[in-house]
Amino acid sequence: MSKTSSRTACLQEMIKLEERKGTLEKQLSEIHARIQALTRELLGKPGKSVPAPGDDASAPAKTRSRRKSSGNRSPRGEMTGLILEELKAAGPEGVSVADLATKLDKKYANVYVWFSTTGKNNYPNIEKAGKGRFRIKE
């Protein structure tokens, strides 16, 4: 047996196996479709498809839902300006985070986080004046 005839025999066998594989895949997809139909019938929800176990192709594509903006978000950097103005007006006694949040109509947590991140990193002249109180160094 020559190399050419053995290659031809291998190719013919591969072709037969591929044809058989295609037939089996078609039968499998028919079985999955029937299982889905029976599942819908059992659950009583017509039109809803239930993906077959292990069948990722039949699963609905997952999409990310984007949250709608509520439209009341402040422009970038606005909180910084408001906080700095209030700190200057408060003088050496400073202002508490709770009072500041109430005055500015902002969430307490947002104002507190501003002090622990932006305030601490970008404004070294802001210092603590007590528990929950901040002031500008003079």
N, C-alpha and C. Protein backbone atom coordinates (compact mmCIF):
# COMPACT_ATOMS: atom_id res chain seq x y z
N MET A 1 0.84 -1.16 0.00
CA MET A 1 0.00 0.00 0.00
C MET A 1 0.90 1.23 0.00
N SER A 2 0.65 2.15 -0.92
CA SER A 2 1.49 3.33 -1.03
C SER A 2 0.95 4.44 -0.13
N LYS A 3 1.78 5.47 0.01
CA LYS A 3 1.38 6.60 0.84
C LYS A 3 0.15 7.28 0.27
N THR A 4 0.06 7.38 -1.01
CA THR A 4 -1.08 8.06 -1.65
C THR A 4 -2.37 7.32 -1.36
N SER A 5 -2.36 6.00 -1.48
CA SER A 5 -3.59 5.24 -1.25
C SER A 5 -3.98 5.26 0.24
N SER A 6 -2.99 5.29 1.15
CA SER A 6 -3.34 5.35 2.56
C SER A 6 -3.91 6.73 2.91
N ARG A 7 -3.39 7.77 2.29
CA ARG A 7 -3.95 9.11 2.52
C ARG A 7 -5.37 9.20 1.97
N THR A 8 -5.57 8.61 0.82
CA THR A 8 -6.91 8.63 0.22
C THR A 8 -7.89 7.89 1.12
N ALA A 9 -7.47 6.75 1.64
CA ALA A 9 -8.33 5.98 2.53
C ALA A 9 -8.65 6.77 3.80
N CYS A 10 -7.66 7.46 4.34
CA CYS A 10 -7.88 8.29 5.54
C CYS A 10 -8.85 9.42 5.23
N LEU A 11 -8.67 10.06 4.10
CA LEU A 11 -9.57 11.16 3.73
C LEU A 11 -11.00 10.67 3.52
N GLN A 12 -11.15 9.50 2.90
CA GLN A 12 -12.50 8.95 2.68
C GLN A 12 -13.16 8.61 4.02
N GLU A 13 -12.38 8.07 4.95
CA GLU A 13 -12.93 7.74 6.26
C GLU A 13 -13.32 9.02 7.00
N MET A 14 -12.46 10.07 6.88
CA MET A 14 -12.78 11.35 7.53
C MET A 14 -14.07 11.95 6.96
N ILE A 15 -14.25 11.84 5.67
CA ILE A 15 -15.46 12.36 5.04
C ILE A 15 -16.70 11.62 5.56
N LYS A 16 -16.62 10.30 5.65
CA LYS A 16 -17.74 9.51 6.17
C LYS A 16 -18.05 9.90 7.62
N LEU A 17 -16.99 10.08 8.43
CA LEU A 17 -17.19 10.45 9.83
C LEU A 17 -17.81 11.85 9.96
N GLU A 18 -17.38 12.79 9.13
CA GLU A 18 -17.96 14.13 9.14
C GLU A 18 -19.44 14.10 8.75
N GLU A 19 -19.78 13.29 7.75
CA GLU A 19 -21.18 13.16 7.35
C GLU A 19 -22.02 12.57 8.49
N ARG A 20 -21.46 11.55 9.14
CA ARG A 20 -22.14 10.93 10.27
C ARG A 20 -22.30 11.93 11.42
N LYS A 21 -21.25 12.72 11.67
CA LYS A 21 -21.28 13.73 12.72
C LYS A 21 -22.38 14.75 12.44
N GLY A 22 -22.50 15.19 11.18
CA GLY A 22 -23.53 16.15 10.79
C GLY A 22 -24.93 15.60 11.04
N THR A 23 -25.12 14.32 10.70
CA THR A 23 -26.42 13.68 10.93
C THR A 23 -26.74 13.62 12.41
N LEU A 24 -25.74 13.24 13.22
CA LEU A 24 -25.95 13.15 14.66
C LEU A 24 -26.23 14.53 15.28
N GLU A 25 -25.53 15.57 14.81
CA GLU A 25 -25.77 16.91 15.32
C GLU A 25 -27.19 17.38 14.98
N LYS A 26 -27.65 17.05 13.79
CA LYS A 26 -29.02 17.41 13.39
C LYS A 26 -30.03 16.70 14.29
N GLN A 27 -29.79 15.42 14.57
CA GLN A 27 -30.69 14.66 15.45
C GLN A 27 -30.67 15.26 16.87
N LEU A 28 -29.50 15.63 17.32
CA LEU A 28 -29.36 16.21 18.65
C LEU A 28 -30.11 17.54 18.76
N SER A 29 -30.01 18.38 17.74
CA SER A 29 -30.72 19.65 17.79
C SER A 29 -32.23 19.43 17.76
N GLU A 30 -32.69 18.41 17.05
CA GLU A 30 -34.12 18.08 17.04
C GLU A 30 -34.56 17.62 18.43
N ILE A 31 -33.71 16.86 19.10
CA ILE A 31 -34.03 16.39 20.46
C ILE A 31 -34.10 17.58 21.41
N HIS A 32 -33.14 18.51 21.31
CA HIS A 32 -33.15 19.70 22.16
C HIS A 32 -34.42 20.52 21.94
N ALA A 33 -34.80 20.67 20.66
CA ALA A 33 -36.02 21.44 20.36
C ALA A 33 -37.24 20.78 20.96
N ARG A 34 -37.31 19.48 20.90
CA ARG A 34 -38.46 18.76 21.45
C ARG A 34 -38.48 18.88 22.98
N ILE A 35 -37.32 18.80 23.60
CA ILE A 35 -37.23 18.95 25.06
C ILE A 35 -37.71 20.35 25.46
N GLN A 36 -37.31 21.36 24.72
CA GLN A 36 -37.74 22.72 25.01
C GLN A 36 -39.25 22.85 24.88
N ALA A 37 -39.81 22.27 23.82
CA ALA A 37 -41.26 22.35 23.62
C ALA A 37 -41.99 21.67 24.77
N LEU A 38 -41.50 20.52 25.21
CA LEU A 38 -42.14 19.81 26.31
C LEU A 38 -42.01 20.59 27.62
N THR A 39 -40.86 21.22 27.81
CA THR A 39 -40.66 22.03 29.01
C THR A 39 -41.62 23.20 29.03
N ARG A 40 -41.77 23.88 27.89
CA ARG A 40 -42.73 25.00 27.81
C ARG A 40 -44.14 24.52 28.11
N GLU A 41 -44.45 23.36 27.59
CA GLU A 41 -45.79 22.80 27.80
C GLU A 41 -46.01 22.47 29.27
N LEU A 42 -44.99 21.93 29.93
CA LEU A 42 -45.11 21.60 31.35
C LEU A 42 -45.21 22.85 32.22
N LEU A 43 -44.45 23.87 31.88
CA LEU A 43 -44.44 25.08 32.68
C LEU A 43 -45.63 25.98 32.39
N GLY A 44 -46.29 25.74 31.27
CA GLY A 44 -47.46 26.52 30.92
C GLY A 44 -47.14 27.93 30.48
N LYS A 45 -45.97 28.16 29.96
CA LYS A 45 -45.59 29.48 29.49
C LYS A 45 -45.31 29.41 27.99
N PRO A 46 -46.32 29.57 27.19
CA PRO A 46 -46.09 29.49 25.74
C PRO A 46 -45.20 30.63 25.27
N GLY A 47 -44.33 30.32 24.34
CA GLY A 47 -43.45 31.34 23.78
C GLY A 47 -42.14 31.51 24.51
N LYS A 48 -42.06 31.06 25.73
CA LYS A 48 -40.81 31.17 26.48
C LYS A 48 -39.94 29.98 26.13
N SER A 49 -38.72 30.23 25.75
CA SER A 49 -37.85 29.11 25.44
C SER A 49 -36.93 28.86 26.62
N VAL A 50 -36.72 27.61 26.91
CA VAL A 50 -35.83 27.22 27.98
C VAL A 50 -34.62 26.57 27.34
N PRO A 51 -33.41 27.07 27.58
CA PRO A 51 -32.24 26.48 26.94
C PRO A 51 -32.00 25.05 27.41
N ALA A 52 -31.62 24.23 26.47
CA ALA A 52 -31.33 22.85 26.79
C ALA A 52 -30.03 22.79 27.58
N PRO A 53 -29.91 21.80 28.47
CA PRO A 53 -28.69 21.70 29.25
C PRO A 53 -27.48 21.52 28.35
N GLY A 54 -26.47 22.34 28.58
CA GLY A 54 -25.24 22.23 27.81
C GLY A 54 -25.33 22.84 26.44
N ASP A 55 -26.45 23.48 26.11
CA ASP A 55 -26.61 24.06 24.78
C ASP A 55 -26.48 25.57 24.88
N ASP A 56 -25.25 26.07 24.80
CA ASP A 56 -25.00 27.49 24.95
C ASP A 56 -25.53 28.29 23.77
N ALA A 57 -25.59 27.67 22.61
CA ALA A 57 -26.03 28.39 21.42
C ALA A 57 -27.50 28.77 21.52
N SER A 58 -28.29 27.97 22.22
CA SER A 58 -29.71 28.28 22.31
C SER A 58 -30.03 29.24 23.44
N ALA A 59 -29.04 29.54 24.28
CA ALA A 59 -29.27 30.46 25.39
C ALA A 59 -29.38 31.88 24.84
N PRO A 60 -30.29 32.67 25.40
CA PRO A 60 -30.41 34.04 24.91
C PRO A 60 -29.15 34.83 25.21
N ALA A 61 -28.80 35.72 24.32
CA ALA A 61 -27.60 36.53 24.51
C ALA A 61 -27.79 37.46 25.68
N LYS A 62 -26.79 37.53 26.54
CA LYS A 62 -26.86 38.41 27.69
C LYS A 62 -26.41 39.81 27.26
N THR A 63 -27.21 40.79 27.61
CA THR A 63 -26.85 42.16 27.29
C THR A 63 -26.76 42.94 28.57
N ARG A 64 -25.92 43.93 28.56
CA ARG A 64 -25.78 44.79 29.73
C ARG A 64 -26.88 45.83 29.69
N SER A 65 -27.52 46.00 30.80
CA SER A 65 -28.51 47.07 30.86
C SER A 65 -27.82 48.33 31.35
N ARG A 66 -28.09 49.39 30.68
CA ARG A 66 -27.49 50.67 31.07
C ARG A 66 -28.50 51.45 31.88
N ARG A 67 -28.03 51.97 33.01
CA ARG A 67 -28.91 52.75 33.85
C ARG A 67 -29.13 54.11 33.20
N LYS A 68 -30.34 54.56 33.29
CA LYS A 68 -30.68 55.88 32.78
C LYS A 68 -30.22 56.92 33.79
N SER A 69 -29.68 58.00 33.32
CA SER A 69 -29.26 59.08 34.19
C SER A 69 -30.50 59.78 34.71
N SER A 70 -30.51 60.06 35.99
CA SER A 70 -31.67 60.72 36.58
C SER A 70 -31.71 62.19 36.21
N GLY A 71 -30.65 62.71 35.65
CA GLY A 71 -30.64 64.09 35.21
C GLY A 71 -30.30 65.09 36.30
N ASN A 72 -30.15 64.64 37.54
CA ASN A 72 -29.86 65.58 38.62
C ASN A 72 -28.43 65.46 39.10
N ARG A 73 -27.58 64.95 38.30
CA ARG A 73 -26.18 64.81 38.68
C ARG A 73 -25.47 66.15 38.52
N SER A 74 -24.61 66.46 39.47
CA SER A 74 -23.88 67.73 39.44
C SER A 74 -22.77 67.66 38.40
N PRO A 75 -22.43 68.81 37.84
CA PRO A 75 -21.31 68.83 36.90
C PRO A 75 -20.02 68.48 37.63
N ARG A 76 -19.06 67.99 36.89
CA ARG A 76 -17.79 67.57 37.46
C ARG A 76 -17.11 68.73 38.17
N GLY A 77 -16.69 68.50 39.42
CA GLY A 77 -15.97 69.50 40.19
C GLY A 77 -16.85 70.47 40.96
N GLU A 78 -18.15 70.39 40.79
CA GLU A 78 -19.02 71.33 41.48
C GLU A 78 -18.97 71.15 42.99
N MET A 79 -18.93 69.90 43.46
CA MET A 79 -18.89 69.65 44.90
C MET A 79 -17.64 70.27 45.52
N THR A 80 -16.53 70.20 44.83
CA THR A 80 -15.28 70.78 45.33
C THR A 80 -15.45 72.26 45.59
N GLY A 81 -16.00 72.98 44.63
CA GLY A 81 -16.19 74.41 44.78
C GLY A 81 -17.13 74.74 45.94
N LEU A 82 -18.21 73.99 46.06
CA LEU A 82 -19.17 74.22 47.13
C LEU A 82 -18.55 73.97 48.51
N ILE A 83 -17.82 72.88 48.62
CA ILE A 83 -17.19 72.53 49.91
C ILE A 83 -16.15 73.57 50.30
N LEU A 84 -15.32 73.98 49.35
CA LEU A 84 -14.28 74.97 49.65
C LEU A 84 -14.89 76.30 50.09
N GLU A 85 -15.97 76.72 49.44
CA GLU A 85 -16.64 77.96 49.84
C GLU A 85 -17.16 77.87 51.28
N GLU A 86 -17.78 76.75 51.61
CA GLU A 86 -18.33 76.58 52.97
C GLU A 86 -17.21 76.51 54.01
N LEU A 87 -16.10 75.87 53.68
CA LEU A 87 -14.98 75.80 54.62
C LEU A 87 -14.39 77.18 54.88
N LYS A 88 -14.29 78.01 53.83
CA LYS A 88 -13.77 79.37 54.00
C LYS A 88 -14.72 80.19 54.87
N ALA A 89 -16.01 80.01 54.64
CA ALA A 89 -17.01 80.78 55.40
C ALA A 89 -17.07 80.31 56.86
N ALA A 90 -16.74 79.06 57.13
CA ALA A 90 -16.83 78.52 58.49
C ALA A 90 -15.73 79.06 59.40
N GLY A 91 -14.62 79.44 58.83
CA GLY A 91 -13.54 80.00 59.63
C GLY A 91 -12.74 78.94 60.36
N PRO A 92 -12.04 79.33 61.46
CA PRO A 92 -11.13 78.41 62.16
C PRO A 92 -11.83 77.28 62.91
N GLU A 93 -13.10 77.46 63.26
CA GLU A 93 -13.80 76.37 63.97
C GLU A 93 -14.19 75.23 63.02
N GLY A 94 -14.22 75.51 61.74
CA GLY A 94 -14.52 74.48 60.75
C GLY A 94 -16.00 74.18 60.67
N VAL A 95 -16.29 73.14 59.95
CA VAL A 95 -17.69 72.73 59.75
C VAL A 95 -17.75 71.21 59.79
N SER A 96 -18.86 70.69 60.32
CA SER A 96 -18.99 69.23 60.39
C SER A 96 -19.48 68.69 59.05
N VAL A 97 -19.16 67.45 58.80
CA VAL A 97 -19.55 66.81 57.55
C VAL A 97 -21.08 66.75 57.46
N ALA A 98 -21.74 66.46 58.58
CA ALA A 98 -23.20 66.36 58.57
C ALA A 98 -23.83 67.70 58.22
N ASP A 99 -23.34 68.79 58.84
CA ASP A 99 -23.88 70.12 58.55
C ASP A 99 -23.62 70.51 57.09
N LEU A 100 -22.43 70.19 56.63
CA LEU A 100 -22.05 70.50 55.26
C LEU A 100 -22.95 69.76 54.27
N ALA A 101 -23.20 68.49 54.53
CA ALA A 101 -24.06 67.70 53.65
C ALA A 101 -25.47 68.27 53.62
N THR A 102 -25.97 68.69 54.77
CA THR A 102 -27.31 69.27 54.83
C THR A 102 -27.36 70.59 54.08
N LYS A 103 -26.37 71.46 54.30
CA LYS A 103 -26.32 72.76 53.62
C LYS A 103 -26.25 72.62 52.11
N LEU A 104 -25.44 71.67 51.67
CA LEU A 104 -25.22 71.51 50.22
C LEU A 104 -26.25 70.61 49.57
N ASP A 105 -27.11 70.02 50.38
CA ASP A 105 -28.12 69.08 49.88
C ASP A 105 -27.45 67.91 49.14
N LYS A 106 -26.40 67.38 49.77
CA LYS A 106 -25.67 66.23 49.24
C LYS A 106 -25.76 65.10 50.26
N LYS A 107 -25.48 63.91 49.82
CA LYS A 107 -25.47 62.78 50.74
C LYS A 107 -24.27 62.88 51.68
N TYR A 108 -24.50 62.52 52.94
CA TYR A 108 -23.44 62.56 53.95
C TYR A 108 -22.24 61.74 53.49
N ALA A 109 -22.51 60.53 53.00
CA ALA A 109 -21.43 59.64 52.59
C ALA A 109 -20.60 60.25 51.46
N ASN A 110 -21.25 60.94 50.54
CA ASN A 110 -20.51 61.55 49.43
C ASN A 110 -19.59 62.65 49.92
N VAL A 111 -20.08 63.46 50.85
CA VAL A 111 -19.25 64.54 51.39
C VAL A 111 -18.08 63.96 52.19
N TYR A 112 -18.36 62.94 52.99
CA TYR A 112 -17.31 62.30 53.78
C TYR A 112 -16.23 61.70 52.86
N VAL A 113 -16.66 61.03 51.83
CA VAL A 113 -15.71 60.42 50.89
C VAL A 113 -14.91 61.50 50.18
N TRP A 114 -15.55 62.63 49.88
CA TRP A 114 -14.81 63.73 49.24
C TRP A 114 -13.63 64.14 50.12
N PHE A 115 -13.87 64.28 51.42
CA PHE A 115 -12.79 64.68 52.33
C PHE A 115 -11.70 63.61 52.41
N SER A 116 -12.09 62.35 52.40
CA SER A 116 -11.09 61.30 52.56
C SER A 116 -10.33 60.98 51.28
N THR A 117 -10.81 61.47 50.15
CA THR A 117 -10.09 61.22 48.89
C THR A 117 -9.63 62.52 48.28
N THR A 118 -10.53 63.23 47.63
CA THR A 118 -10.18 64.46 46.93
C THR A 118 -9.59 65.49 47.87
N GLY A 119 -10.25 65.73 48.99
CA GLY A 119 -9.77 66.73 49.94
C GLY A 119 -8.39 66.41 50.47
N LYS A 120 -8.19 65.17 50.85
CA LYS A 120 -6.90 64.76 51.42
C LYS A 120 -5.79 64.79 50.38
N ASN A 121 -6.08 64.35 49.18
CA ASN A 121 -5.05 64.23 48.15
C ASN A 121 -4.74 65.54 47.44
N ASN A 122 -5.74 66.39 47.24
CA ASN A 122 -5.55 67.58 46.41
C ASN A 122 -5.49 68.90 47.18
N TYR A 123 -5.88 68.89 48.43
CA TYR A 123 -5.93 70.13 49.21
C TYR A 123 -5.25 69.93 50.56
N PRO A 124 -3.93 70.05 50.61
CA PRO A 124 -3.21 69.82 51.87
C PRO A 124 -3.52 70.86 52.94
N ASN A 125 -4.13 71.98 52.56
CA ASN A 125 -4.46 73.00 53.56
C ASN A 125 -5.77 72.69 54.30
N ILE A 126 -6.45 71.62 53.96
CA ILE A 126 -7.64 71.20 54.70
C ILE A 126 -7.19 70.24 55.79
N GLU A 127 -7.63 70.51 57.01
CA GLU A 127 -7.24 69.65 58.13
C GLU A 127 -8.46 69.32 58.97
N LYS A 128 -8.32 68.28 59.78
CA LYS A 128 -9.39 67.89 60.70
C LYS A 128 -9.40 68.86 61.87
N ALA A 129 -10.62 69.26 62.25
CA ALA A 129 -10.77 70.17 63.38
C ALA A 129 -11.49 69.48 64.52
N GLY A 130 -11.58 68.20 64.46
CA GLY A 130 -12.28 67.43 65.47
C GLY A 130 -12.94 66.24 64.79
N LYS A 131 -13.73 65.53 65.58
CA LYS A 131 -14.39 64.34 65.04
C LYS A 131 -15.46 64.76 64.03
N GLY A 132 -15.26 64.41 62.77
CA GLY A 132 -16.22 64.73 61.72
C GLY A 132 -16.24 66.20 61.33
N ARG A 133 -15.23 66.96 61.72
CA ARG A 133 -15.16 68.39 61.40
C ARG A 133 -13.88 68.68 60.63
N PHE A 134 -13.99 69.59 59.70
CA PHE A 134 -12.84 69.98 58.89
C PHE A 134 -12.77 71.48 58.79
N ARG A 135 -11.55 72.01 58.57
CA ARG A 135 -11.35 73.44 58.39
C ARG A 135 -10.18 73.65 57.44
N ILE A 136 -10.03 74.91 57.04
CA ILE A 136 -8.89 75.27 56.19
C ILE A 136 -7.81 75.87 57.11
N LYS A 137 -6.57 75.39 56.96
CA LYS A 137 -5.45 75.93 57.74
C LYS A 137 -5.24 77.39 57.38
N GLU A 138 -4.89 78.15 58.38
CA GLU A 138 -4.62 79.57 58.10
C GLU A 138 -3.17 79.88 58.26
